[in-house]
Amino acid sequence: MPINVKLDDLLHARRMTLTELAERIDLTLANVSILKTGKAKAIRFSTLEAICRELDCQPGDILGYEAESGETA
């Protein structure tokens, strides 16, 4: 999938655990883990907003796009 999730890098930079983030944004650890590993098929804007608020970042800091081989961006 050309969308990559950089949540792990942000958590490390902020010295925050996945469990702590899950508690702060009121999501289950399992759901935050699915997002972190890039296995999520969608994300609610309210969830993205909560993550940005808690990590003091922008949506582009969390999500990135890389064209797959043979595609043009």
C-alpha atoms as a PDB file:
ATOM      1  CA  MET A   1       0.000   0.000   0.000  1.00  0.00           C
ATOM      2  CA  PRO A   2       1.451   3.378  -0.956  1.00  0.00           C
ATOM      3  CA  ILE A   3       0.222   5.052   2.268  1.00  0.00           C
ATOM      4  CA  ASN A   4       2.710   4.603   5.089  1.00  0.00           C
ATOM      5  CA  VAL A   5       2.099   5.372   8.737  1.00  0.00           C
ATOM      6  CA  LYS A   6       4.950   7.026  10.641  1.00  0.00           C
ATOM      7  CA  LEU A   7       3.311   6.837  14.066  1.00  0.00           C
ATOM      8  CA  ASP A   8       6.090   4.695  15.541  1.00  0.00           C
ATOM      9  CA  ASP A   9       8.719   7.327  14.718  1.00  0.00           C
ATOM     10  CA  LEU A  10       6.626  10.090  16.296  1.00  0.00           C
ATOM     11  CA  LEU A  11       5.992   8.072  19.444  1.00  0.00           C
ATOM     12  CA  HIS A  12       9.706   7.404  19.781  1.00  0.00           C
ATOM     13  CA  ALA A  13      10.558  11.082  19.260  1.00  0.00           C
ATOM     14  CA  ARG A  14       7.981  12.118  21.883  1.00  0.00           C
ATOM     15  CA  ARG A  15       9.078   9.353  24.281  1.00  0.00           C
ATOM     16  CA  MET A  16       5.501   8.115  24.492  1.00  0.00           C
ATOM     17  CA  THR A  17       4.311   4.531  24.539  1.00  0.00           C
ATOM     18  CA  LEU A  18       1.544   3.186  22.356  1.00  0.00           C
ATOM     19  CA  THR A  19      -0.429   2.412  25.518  1.00  0.00           C
ATOM     20  CA  GLU A  20      -0.119   5.997  26.724  1.00  0.00           C
ATOM     21  CA  LEU A  21      -1.267   7.363  23.357  1.00  0.00           C
ATOM     22  CA  ALA A  22      -4.224   4.951  23.295  1.00  0.00           C
ATOM     23  CA  GLU A  23      -5.311   6.148  26.739  1.00  0.00           C
ATOM     24  CA  ARG A  24      -4.931   9.814  25.831  1.00  0.00           C
ATOM     25  CA  ILE A  25      -6.999   9.530  22.634  1.00  0.00           C
ATOM     26  CA  ASP A  26      -9.525   7.117  24.139  1.00  0.00           C
ATOM     27  CA  LEU A  27      -8.977   4.240  21.701  1.00  0.00           C
ATOM     28  CA  THR A  28      -8.203   0.620  22.447  1.00  0.00           C
ATOM     29  CA  LEU A  29      -4.584  -0.425  22.334  1.00  0.00           C
ATOM     30  CA  ALA A  30      -5.515  -2.955  19.627  1.00  0.00           C
ATOM     31  CA  ASN A  31      -6.948  -0.246  17.350  1.00  0.00           C
ATOM     32  CA  VAL A  32      -3.971   2.065  17.798  1.00  0.00           C
ATOM     33  CA  SER A  33      -1.662  -0.870  17.121  1.00  0.00           C
ATOM     34  CA  ILE A  34      -3.516  -1.651  13.874  1.00  0.00           C
ATOM     35  CA  LEU A  35      -3.018   1.955  12.817  1.00  0.00           C
ATOM     36  CA  LYS A  36       0.662   1.972  13.827  1.00  0.00           C
ATOM     37  CA  THR A  37       1.446  -1.154  11.824  1.00  0.00           C
ATOM     38  CA  GLY A  38      -0.234   0.225   8.704  1.00  0.00           C
ATOM     39  CA  LYS A  39      -2.940  -2.451   8.681  1.00  0.00           C
ATOM     40  CA  ALA A  40      -5.804   0.036   9.078  1.00  0.00           C
ATOM     41  CA  LYS A  41      -8.015   0.542   6.035  1.00  0.00           C
ATOM     42  CA  ALA A  42      -9.300   3.937   7.207  1.00  0.00           C
ATOM     43  CA  ILE A  43      -8.905   6.541   9.933  1.00  0.00           C
ATOM     44  CA  ARG A  44     -11.527   8.937  11.251  1.00  0.00           C
ATOM     45  CA  PHE A  45     -10.681  12.611  11.151  1.00  0.00           C
ATOM     46  CA  SER A  46     -11.556  12.791  14.851  1.00  0.00           C
ATOM     47  CA  THR A  47      -8.936  10.111  15.568  1.00  0.00           C
ATOM     48  CA  LEU A  48      -6.362  11.873  13.400  1.00  0.00           C
ATOM     49  CA  GLU A  49      -7.143  15.138  15.171  1.00  0.00           C
ATOM     50  CA  ALA A  50      -6.709  13.514  18.602  1.00  0.00           C
ATOM     51  CA  ILE A  51      -3.374  11.973  17.610  1.00  0.00           C
ATOM     52  CA  CYS A  52      -2.143  15.309  16.236  1.00  0.00           C
ATOM     53  CA  ARG A  53      -3.252  17.066  19.436  1.00  0.00           C
ATOM     54  CA  GLU A  54      -1.465  14.591  21.714  1.00  0.00           C
ATOM     55  CA  LEU A  55       1.710  14.344  19.640  1.00  0.00           C
ATOM     56  CA  ASP A  56       1.770  18.041  18.718  1.00  0.00           C
ATOM     57  CA  CYS A  57       2.106  17.306  15.025  1.00  0.00           C
ATOM     58  CA  GLN A  58       0.414  17.680  11.647  1.00  0.00           C
ATOM     59  CA  PRO A  59      -1.406  14.901   9.726  1.00  0.00           C
ATOM     60  CA  GLY A  60       1.465  14.828   7.221  1.00  0.00           C
ATOM     61  CA  ASP A  61       3.823  13.953  10.070  1.00  0.00           C
ATOM     62  CA  ILE A  62       1.809  10.771  10.646  1.00  0.00           C
ATOM     63  CA  LEU A  63       0.869   9.723   7.115  1.00  0.00           C
ATOM     64  CA  GLY A  64       3.007   9.601   3.996  1.00  0.00           C
ATOM     65  CA  TYR A  65       2.508   8.568   0.387  1.00  0.00           C
ATOM     66  CA  GLU A  66       4.945   6.671  -1.806  1.00  0.00           C
ATOM     67  CA  ALA A  67       4.002   5.741  -5.349  1.00  0.00           C
ATOM     68  CA  GLU A  68       4.287   2.038  -6.081  1.00  0.00           C
ATOM     69  CA  SER A  69       6.594   0.850  -8.857  1.00  0.00           C
ATOM     70  CA  GLY A  70       5.291   1.826 -12.267  1.00  0.00           C
ATOM     71  CA  GLU A  71       3.048   4.602 -10.934  1.00  0.00           C
ATOM     72  CA  THR A  72       3.609   8.303 -11.254  1.00  0.00           C
ATOM     73  CA  ALA A  73       2.805  10.638  -8.399  1.00  0.00           C
END
